[in-house]
Amino acid sequence: MGKFEENMERIRKAVACEPVDRVPVAPCGNAYMARANHVLMKEYITDFDKACDANLKELTRLDADATQSVIFSPYLLGTQWLSKTAIPGVDLGDDDMWQIAEAENMKFEDYEEIKKIGWDAWQQKFIAEKCDNNWENLKPFFAANPKAYEKFHEAGIPCICDFLMITPFEYFCGGRSLETFLCDDIMDEPELMHEIFDIVLEHNVKAYRQQILDTHATGVWIGGWRTGPDLISPTMFDEFVMPSFKAYYDLCIEMDVIPMFHLDSSWTLILDRFKAFKEKTYILALDSKTDIRKAREVLGKNVCILGDVPCELMTFGTPEKVTEYVNSLLDDIGPWGVIIATGCDIPSDAKPENVLAMSEAAHNYLKTHQL
């Protein structure tokens, strides 16, 4: 068994909450990978050979068991958020962070157009006209992906997030902008939103099925950014979001793909909703805003949790503090059924010595603790 297969087996055991030889580490942090290797952001998102090599260099230094990204393009964000993206070297300085330019990019009348021509045709047209023609901008990224995956396979590092499954809520919350979407659409036109959401979800399930086949996906993110209880009520989540989560989860299980619920912000109030999904089949990826110990308490020992080393600790902490945090976390919720990573992405200004400490603490835990 080669290194790639060993790492993949370790990840699958963690998902199944089985004993592993070491606690796996699976970082995500595109901007950090660039900064850690002194690659300008402008180059990182245009020279994909350089970006891939930078990612591999850092992940090899960390002895990572897996990654959540092989290469990255910020143009992806515009397609997922129905928005324009400010790009380093184009709209921003050469080493600035990419940014979503959130605005009311989509008008209420567009919903009727979706009903008339369908989600796929409308989305293609809208992104071409209102999102800087991002499909065209993404062609170099998609062309570079096969080579990047090949390099990662040769290095023995599997990717456990091959693409994102986006809920209708997230699309329109971005395209319509937060206030307009919540007040004018969800609150005032719930029946229309259900109709539109059903159209999008039906199309997406078919499209994602084909994407899984085309990419031979290992795992996917099922994204929860603005759908958590920090922003919407549990009742609203059940009505407008949970049907998409359930449909995407079912598709992943059918296609033997690892579903990873990537949950930004605090989800503590509705952790019980994830009891709807079969134990030992999915990853709950939490940032440091959700009470990760409460997640273990609510969902039990048979759900894999990824996270949740705080970003501020990566930037402002010390290796000793990071090690202490990881050890305490594994004492409380592990060691089985845990994959260590930062909460969401490693921040771009994280200290490399802190990131290394995170990885080493996870990998050394079983050697230093009596189970």
Protein backbone atom coordinates (compact mmCIF):
# COMPACT_ATOMS: atom_id res chain seq x y z
CA MET A 1 0.00 0.00 0.00
CA GLY A 2 1.43 3.36 -1.05
CA LYS A 3 1.34 6.63 0.88
CA PHE A 4 -1.75 7.89 -0.95
CA GLU A 5 -3.69 4.73 -0.12
CA GLU A 6 -2.50 4.80 3.51
CA ASN A 7 -3.62 8.39 3.95
CA MET A 8 -6.96 7.72 2.28
CA GLU A 9 -7.54 4.71 4.51
CA ARG A 10 -6.75 6.84 7.57
CA ILE A 11 -9.30 9.45 6.50
CA ARG A 12 -11.98 6.83 5.83
CA LYS A 13 -11.36 5.27 9.25
CA ALA A 14 -11.71 8.68 10.85
CA VAL A 15 -15.02 9.24 9.04
CA ALA A 16 -16.17 5.83 10.27
CA CYS A 17 -14.96 6.73 13.79
CA GLU A 18 -12.64 3.73 13.89
CA PRO A 19 -9.21 3.63 15.58
CA VAL A 20 -6.38 5.09 13.51
CA ASP A 21 -2.60 4.92 13.84
CA ARG A 22 -2.48 8.72 14.19
CA VAL A 23 -5.03 11.51 14.27
CA PRO A 24 -5.26 12.81 10.69
CA VAL A 25 -4.67 16.40 9.68
CA ALA A 26 -6.43 17.86 6.62
CA PRO A 27 -5.78 21.60 6.26
CA CYS A 28 -7.54 24.14 4.09
CA GLY A 29 -5.90 27.50 3.50
CA ASN A 30 -5.21 28.69 -0.02
CA ALA A 31 -4.13 32.23 0.80
CA TYR A 32 -1.95 30.93 3.62
CA MET A 33 -0.22 28.48 1.28
CA ALA A 34 0.66 31.38 -1.00
CA ARG A 35 1.96 33.62 1.78
CA ALA A 36 3.91 30.80 3.45
CA ASN A 37 5.79 30.28 0.20
CA HIS A 38 6.20 33.97 -0.70
CA VAL A 39 4.00 33.66 -3.79
CA LEU A 40 2.11 36.81 -4.76
CA MET A 41 -1.67 36.36 -4.71
CA LYS A 42 -1.76 37.52 -8.33
CA GLU A 43 0.58 34.67 -9.28
CA TYR A 44 -1.11 32.13 -7.03
CA ILE A 45 -4.42 32.48 -8.88
CA THR A 46 -2.97 32.61 -12.40
CA ASP A 47 0.13 30.38 -12.39
CA PHE A 48 -1.43 27.11 -11.29
CA ASP A 49 1.79 25.11 -11.56
CA LYS A 50 3.39 27.51 -9.07
CA ALA A 51 0.28 27.41 -6.86
CA CYS A 52 0.16 23.62 -6.85
CA ASP A 53 3.86 23.39 -6.01
CA ALA A 54 3.43 25.90 -3.17
CA ASN A 55 0.52 23.91 -1.75
CA LEU A 56 2.42 20.65 -1.97
CA LYS A 57 5.54 22.13 -0.38
CA GLU A 58 3.61 23.36 2.66
CA LEU A 59 1.46 20.24 3.02
CA THR A 60 4.58 18.08 2.80
CA ARG A 61 6.24 20.19 5.50
CA LEU A 62 3.17 19.56 7.67
CA ASP A 63 3.11 15.85 6.78
CA ALA A 64 -0.59 16.38 6.06
CA ASP A 65 -2.78 13.31 5.71
CA ALA A 66 -5.09 15.06 3.22
CA THR A 67 -6.01 18.45 1.83
CA GLN A 68 -9.27 20.22 1.07
CA SER A 69 -7.95 21.92 -2.08
CA VAL A 70 -5.29 21.22 -4.70
CA ILE A 71 -5.49 24.61 -6.45
CA PHE A 72 -7.90 27.52 -6.20
CA SER A 73 -9.41 30.32 -8.26
CA PRO A 74 -11.36 33.21 -6.71
CA TYR A 75 -13.51 33.26 -9.84
CA LEU A 76 -15.22 30.22 -8.32
CA LEU A 77 -16.61 32.47 -5.60
CA GLY A 78 -18.53 34.62 -8.05
CA THR A 79 -20.26 31.63 -9.59
CA GLN A 80 -21.19 30.29 -6.16
CA TRP A 81 -22.33 33.66 -4.85
CA LEU A 82 -23.84 35.15 -8.05
CA SER A 83 -21.59 38.14 -7.48
CA LYS A 84 -18.56 39.89 -8.85
CA THR A 85 -15.19 39.15 -7.31
CA ALA A 86 -12.41 41.66 -6.80
CA ILE A 87 -9.26 39.97 -8.13
CA PRO A 88 -5.62 40.54 -7.07
CA GLY A 89 -3.67 42.11 -9.91
CA VAL A 90 -6.86 43.20 -11.67
CA ASP A 91 -9.10 45.10 -9.24
CA LEU A 92 -6.72 44.96 -6.27
CA GLY A 93 -3.03 45.11 -5.52
CA ASP A 94 -0.86 42.22 -6.68
CA ASP A 95 -0.66 40.70 -3.21
CA ASP A 96 -4.08 41.68 -1.84
CA MET A 97 -6.72 39.14 -0.81
CA TRP A 98 -9.51 38.42 -3.26
CA GLN A 99 -12.89 39.79 -2.16
CA ILE A 100 -16.54 39.22 -2.98
CA ALA A 101 -18.13 42.53 -3.98
CA GLU A 102 -21.51 41.92 -2.41
CA ALA A 103 -24.32 44.01 -3.85
CA GLU A 104 -27.81 43.57 -5.24
CA ASN A 105 -26.42 42.04 -8.41
CA MET A 106 -29.62 40.14 -9.18
CA LYS A 107 -33.06 41.73 -9.46
CA PHE A 108 -36.38 40.34 -8.20
CA GLU A 109 -37.57 40.00 -11.79
CA ASP A 110 -34.85 37.43 -12.39
CA TYR A 111 -36.87 34.86 -10.47
CA GLU A 112 -39.53 34.94 -13.19
CA GLU A 113 -36.81 34.52 -15.80
CA ILE A 114 -35.56 31.42 -13.96
CA LYS A 115 -39.08 29.98 -14.05
CA LYS A 116 -39.29 30.74 -17.76
CA ILE A 117 -35.95 29.45 -19.09
CA GLY A 118 -34.73 27.19 -16.28
CA TRP A 119 -31.94 27.48 -13.74
CA ASP A 120 -29.08 26.27 -15.93
CA ALA A 121 -29.80 28.60 -18.85
CA TRP A 122 -30.43 31.54 -16.54
CA GLN A 123 -27.28 30.91 -14.51
CA GLN A 124 -25.09 30.65 -17.59
CA LYS A 125 -26.52 33.91 -18.96
CA PHE A 126 -26.38 35.75 -15.63
CA ILE A 127 -22.77 34.82 -14.84
CA ALA A 128 -21.68 35.81 -18.33
CA GLU A 129 -23.43 39.18 -18.14
CA LYS A 130 -23.36 40.12 -14.44
CA CYS A 131 -20.42 38.20 -12.96
CA ASP A 132 -17.56 39.22 -15.26
CA ASN A 133 -18.06 36.16 -17.48
CA ASN A 134 -16.57 33.93 -14.79
CA TRP A 135 -17.10 30.69 -16.71
CA GLU A 136 -14.63 31.98 -19.29
CA ASN A 137 -12.26 33.20 -16.58
CA LEU A 138 -12.32 29.75 -14.97
CA LYS A 139 -11.20 27.83 -18.05
CA PRO A 140 -7.46 27.94 -17.14
CA PHE A 141 -8.27 26.73 -13.62
CA PHE A 142 -10.32 23.77 -14.83
CA ALA A 143 -7.67 22.94 -17.42
CA ALA A 144 -4.99 22.87 -14.71
CA ASN A 145 -6.91 20.64 -12.30
CA PRO A 146 -6.02 17.20 -13.74
CA LYS A 147 -2.28 17.90 -13.56
CA ALA A 148 -2.62 19.26 -10.02
CA TYR A 149 -4.49 16.17 -8.89
CA GLU A 150 -1.84 13.99 -10.49
CA LYS A 151 0.91 15.81 -8.56
CA PHE A 152 -0.98 15.39 -5.29
CA HIS A 153 -1.53 11.69 -5.97
CA GLU A 154 2.16 11.21 -6.65
CA ALA A 155 2.95 13.03 -3.38
CA GLY A 156 0.57 10.73 -1.53
CA ILE A 157 -1.85 13.46 -0.38
CA PRO A 158 -5.55 12.86 -1.16
CA CYS A 159 -8.01 15.72 -1.60
CA ILE A 160 -11.20 15.22 0.41
CA CYS A 161 -13.10 18.16 -1.08
CA ASP A 162 -13.33 17.96 -4.85
CA PHE A 163 -16.05 20.60 -5.27
CA LEU A 164 -18.83 22.43 -3.44
CA MET A 165 -22.53 21.66 -3.38
CA ILE A 166 -24.32 24.99 -3.05
CA THR A 167 -27.79 25.36 -1.57
CA PRO A 168 -30.29 27.63 -3.35
CA PHE A 169 -30.38 29.78 -0.20
CA GLU A 170 -26.67 30.59 -0.51
CA TYR A 171 -26.85 31.41 -4.23
CA PHE A 172 -29.59 33.99 -3.84
CA CYS A 173 -28.42 35.38 -0.51
CA GLY A 174 -25.28 36.34 -2.40
CA GLY A 175 -26.81 37.51 -5.66
CA ARG A 176 -29.65 39.47 -4.09
CA SER A 177 -27.53 40.64 -1.10
CA LEU A 178 -28.27 39.72 2.48
CA GLU A 179 -30.84 42.34 3.50
CA THR A 180 -32.79 42.28 0.24
CA PHE A 181 -32.89 38.48 0.11
CA LEU A 182 -34.06 38.01 3.70
CA CYS A 183 -36.56 40.87 3.85
CA ASP A 184 -37.95 41.10 0.33
CA ASP A 185 -37.70 37.48 -0.77
CA ILE A 186 -37.73 34.97 2.09
CA MET A 187 -40.03 37.01 4.35
CA ASP A 188 -42.35 38.50 1.74
CA GLU A 189 -42.42 35.82 -0.96
CA PRO A 190 -41.94 32.42 0.71
CA GLU A 191 -44.12 30.53 -1.80
CA LEU A 192 -42.12 31.90 -4.72
CA MET A 193 -38.87 31.02 -2.95
CA HIS A 194 -40.02 27.43 -2.50
CA GLU A 195 -40.85 27.25 -6.19
CA ILE A 196 -37.47 28.67 -7.21
CA PHE A 197 -35.55 26.56 -4.71
CA ASP A 198 -37.23 23.40 -6.05
CA ILE A 199 -36.19 24.30 -9.61
CA VAL A 200 -32.57 24.90 -8.57
CA LEU A 201 -32.35 21.82 -6.36
CA GLU A 202 -33.74 19.49 -9.01
CA HIS A 203 -31.19 20.75 -11.51
CA ASN A 204 -28.28 20.73 -9.06
CA VAL A 205 -28.79 17.13 -7.95
CA LYS A 206 -28.56 16.02 -11.58
CA ALA A 207 -25.59 18.29 -12.29
CA TYR A 208 -23.70 17.24 -9.16
CA ARG A 209 -24.31 13.58 -9.97
CA GLN A 210 -22.59 14.10 -13.31
CA GLN A 211 -19.82 16.16 -11.70
CA ILE A 212 -19.09 13.32 -9.28
CA LEU A 213 -18.76 10.94 -12.22
CA ASP A 214 -16.62 13.35 -14.23
CA THR A 215 -14.23 14.18 -11.39
CA HIS A 216 -14.19 10.77 -9.67
CA ALA A 217 -14.83 12.75 -6.50
CA THR A 218 -13.71 11.49 -3.11
CA GLY A 219 -15.53 14.08 -1.04
CA VAL A 220 -17.46 17.34 -1.36
CA TRP A 221 -18.33 20.34 0.77
CA ILE A 222 -22.01 20.87 1.49
CA GLY A 223 -21.80 24.50 2.39
CA GLY A 224 -23.44 26.29 5.29
CA TRP A 225 -22.33 29.91 5.43
CA ARG A 226 -25.38 32.09 5.96
CA THR A 227 -27.79 29.29 6.81
CA GLY A 228 -26.80 28.81 10.43
CA PRO A 229 -28.76 29.95 13.50
CA ASP A 230 -26.61 33.04 13.93
CA LEU A 231 -28.55 34.46 11.00
CA ILE A 232 -31.79 32.52 10.44
CA SER A 233 -34.16 30.81 12.82
CA PRO A 234 -34.19 27.02 13.24
CA THR A 235 -37.68 26.99 11.71
CA MET A 236 -36.42 28.86 8.66
CA PHE A 237 -33.48 26.46 8.38
CA ASP A 238 -35.84 23.47 8.44
CA GLU A 239 -38.03 25.00 5.77
CA PHE A 240 -35.53 26.51 3.34
CA VAL A 241 -32.19 24.75 3.87
CA MET A 242 -32.57 21.26 5.30
CA PRO A 243 -34.22 19.84 2.13
CA SER A 244 -31.09 20.76 0.16
CA PHE A 245 -28.75 19.34 2.82
CA LYS A 246 -30.72 16.09 2.79
CA ALA A 247 -30.81 15.82 -1.02
CA TYR A 248 -27.07 16.46 -1.32
CA TYR A 249 -26.23 14.06 1.51
CA ASP A 250 -28.35 11.31 -0.07
CA LEU A 251 -26.62 11.84 -3.41
CA CYS A 252 -23.18 11.56 -1.79
CA ILE A 253 -24.05 8.35 0.00
CA GLU A 254 -25.53 6.86 -3.16
CA MET A 255 -22.37 7.76 -5.11
CA ASP A 256 -19.91 6.66 -2.35
CA VAL A 257 -18.64 10.21 -1.82
CA ILE A 258 -17.79 11.66 1.60
CA PRO A 259 -20.22 14.49 2.47
CA MET A 260 -18.53 17.23 4.48
CA PHE A 261 -20.89 19.75 6.03
CA HIS A 262 -18.72 22.88 6.01
CA LEU A 263 -20.39 25.04 8.65
CA ASP A 264 -19.14 28.58 9.14
CA SER A 265 -20.30 30.61 12.18
CA SER A 266 -22.10 29.11 15.17
CA TRP A 267 -24.37 26.11 14.60
CA THR A 268 -24.63 25.18 18.27
CA LEU A 269 -28.41 25.78 18.46
CA ILE A 270 -29.28 23.27 15.72
CA LEU A 271 -26.63 20.56 16.05
CA ASP A 272 -29.44 18.08 16.63
CA ARG A 273 -30.55 18.50 13.00
CA PHE A 274 -27.54 16.44 11.92
CA LYS A 275 -29.00 13.42 13.67
CA ALA A 276 -31.04 13.07 10.47
CA PHE A 277 -27.91 11.70 8.77
CA LYS A 278 -26.55 8.22 9.35
CA GLU A 279 -23.68 7.99 11.81
CA LYS A 280 -20.19 7.17 10.55
CA THR A 281 -20.95 8.43 7.04
CA TYR A 282 -20.15 12.16 7.03
CA ILE A 283 -17.81 14.88 8.31
CA LEU A 284 -19.03 17.81 10.36
CA ALA A 285 -16.52 20.60 9.64
CA LEU A 286 -16.76 23.30 12.30
CA ASP A 287 -15.03 26.58 12.86
CA SER A 288 -14.28 27.80 16.37
CA LYS A 289 -17.63 29.61 16.68
CA THR A 290 -19.64 26.40 17.10
CA ASP A 291 -19.23 24.69 20.48
CA ILE A 292 -17.32 21.65 19.25
CA ARG A 293 -17.63 19.83 22.57
CA LYS A 294 -21.39 20.37 22.47
CA ALA A 295 -21.36 18.86 19.00
CA ARG A 296 -19.78 15.71 20.37
CA GLU A 297 -22.26 15.64 23.24
CA VAL A 298 -25.29 16.08 20.98
CA LEU A 299 -24.23 13.82 18.11
CA GLY A 300 -22.33 11.20 20.05
CA LYS A 301 -19.08 9.39 19.42
CA ASN A 302 -20.01 8.05 15.98
CA VAL A 303 -19.86 11.29 13.98
CA CYS A 304 -16.57 12.52 12.52
CA ILE A 305 -15.77 16.12 13.44
CA LEU A 306 -13.22 18.22 11.54
CA GLY A 307 -11.78 21.34 13.13
CA ASP A 308 -11.56 23.58 14.93
CA VAL A 309 -8.25 25.22 15.86
CA PRO A 310 -9.14 28.95 16.00
CA CYS A 311 -7.76 31.21 13.31
CA GLU A 312 -6.73 33.81 15.88
CA LEU A 313 -4.59 31.20 17.60
CA MET A 314 -2.85 30.47 14.29
CA THR A 315 -2.00 34.15 13.83
CA PHE A 316 -1.49 35.50 17.34
CA GLY A 317 -0.72 32.39 19.39
CA THR A 318 2.44 30.38 19.99
CA PRO A 319 3.31 26.77 19.13
CA GLU A 320 2.92 25.92 22.81
CA LYS A 321 -0.60 27.37 22.95
CA VAL A 322 -1.56 25.59 19.72
CA THR A 323 -0.27 22.26 21.05
CA GLU A 324 -2.17 22.79 24.28
CA TYR A 325 -5.38 23.53 22.37
CA VAL A 326 -5.11 20.45 20.14
CA ASN A 327 -4.33 18.14 23.05
CA SER A 328 -7.26 19.49 25.08
CA LEU A 329 -9.57 19.15 22.08
CA LEU A 330 -8.58 15.54 21.47
CA ASP A 331 -8.89 14.78 25.18
CA ASP A 332 -12.49 15.97 25.07
CA ILE A 333 -13.84 14.83 21.69
CA GLY A 334 -11.32 12.29 20.33
CA PRO A 335 -9.14 10.71 19.42
CA TRP A 336 -11.32 8.61 17.13
CA GLY A 337 -13.68 10.33 14.73
CA VAL A 338 -11.64 13.54 14.62
CA ILE A 339 -9.74 15.21 11.78
CA ILE A 340 -7.66 18.18 12.89
CA ALA A 341 -7.69 21.44 10.92
CA THR A 342 -8.23 25.10 11.57
CA GLY A 343 -11.72 26.51 11.87
CA CYS A 344 -12.53 27.04 8.17
CA ASP A 345 -9.33 28.20 6.40
CA ILE A 346 -5.89 28.79 7.81
CA PRO A 347 -5.69 32.61 7.86
CA SER A 348 -3.35 34.12 5.33
CA ASP A 349 -1.21 35.70 8.06
CA ALA A 350 -0.89 32.55 10.20
CA LYS A 351 2.55 31.82 11.62
CA PRO A 352 4.04 28.77 9.89
CA GLU A 353 5.42 27.53 13.22
CA ASN A 354 1.89 27.53 14.65
CA VAL A 355 0.50 25.61 11.70
CA LEU A 356 3.26 23.04 12.09
CA ALA A 357 2.53 22.79 15.80
CA MET A 358 -1.12 22.01 15.02
CA SER A 359 -0.12 19.14 12.75
CA GLU A 360 2.56 17.75 15.05
CA ALA A 361 0.27 17.86 18.09
CA ALA A 362 -2.35 15.81 16.27
CA HIS A 363 0.17 13.33 14.92
CA ASN A 364 1.91 12.90 18.28
CA TYR A 365 -1.23 12.65 20.40
CA LEU A 366 -1.51 8.87 20.40
CA LYS A 367 2.18 8.53 21.25
CA THR A 368 1.94 10.71 24.32
CA HIS A 369 -1.49 9.83 25.72
CA GLN A 370 -2.53 6.59 27.35
CA LEU A 371 -5.89 5.45 25.95
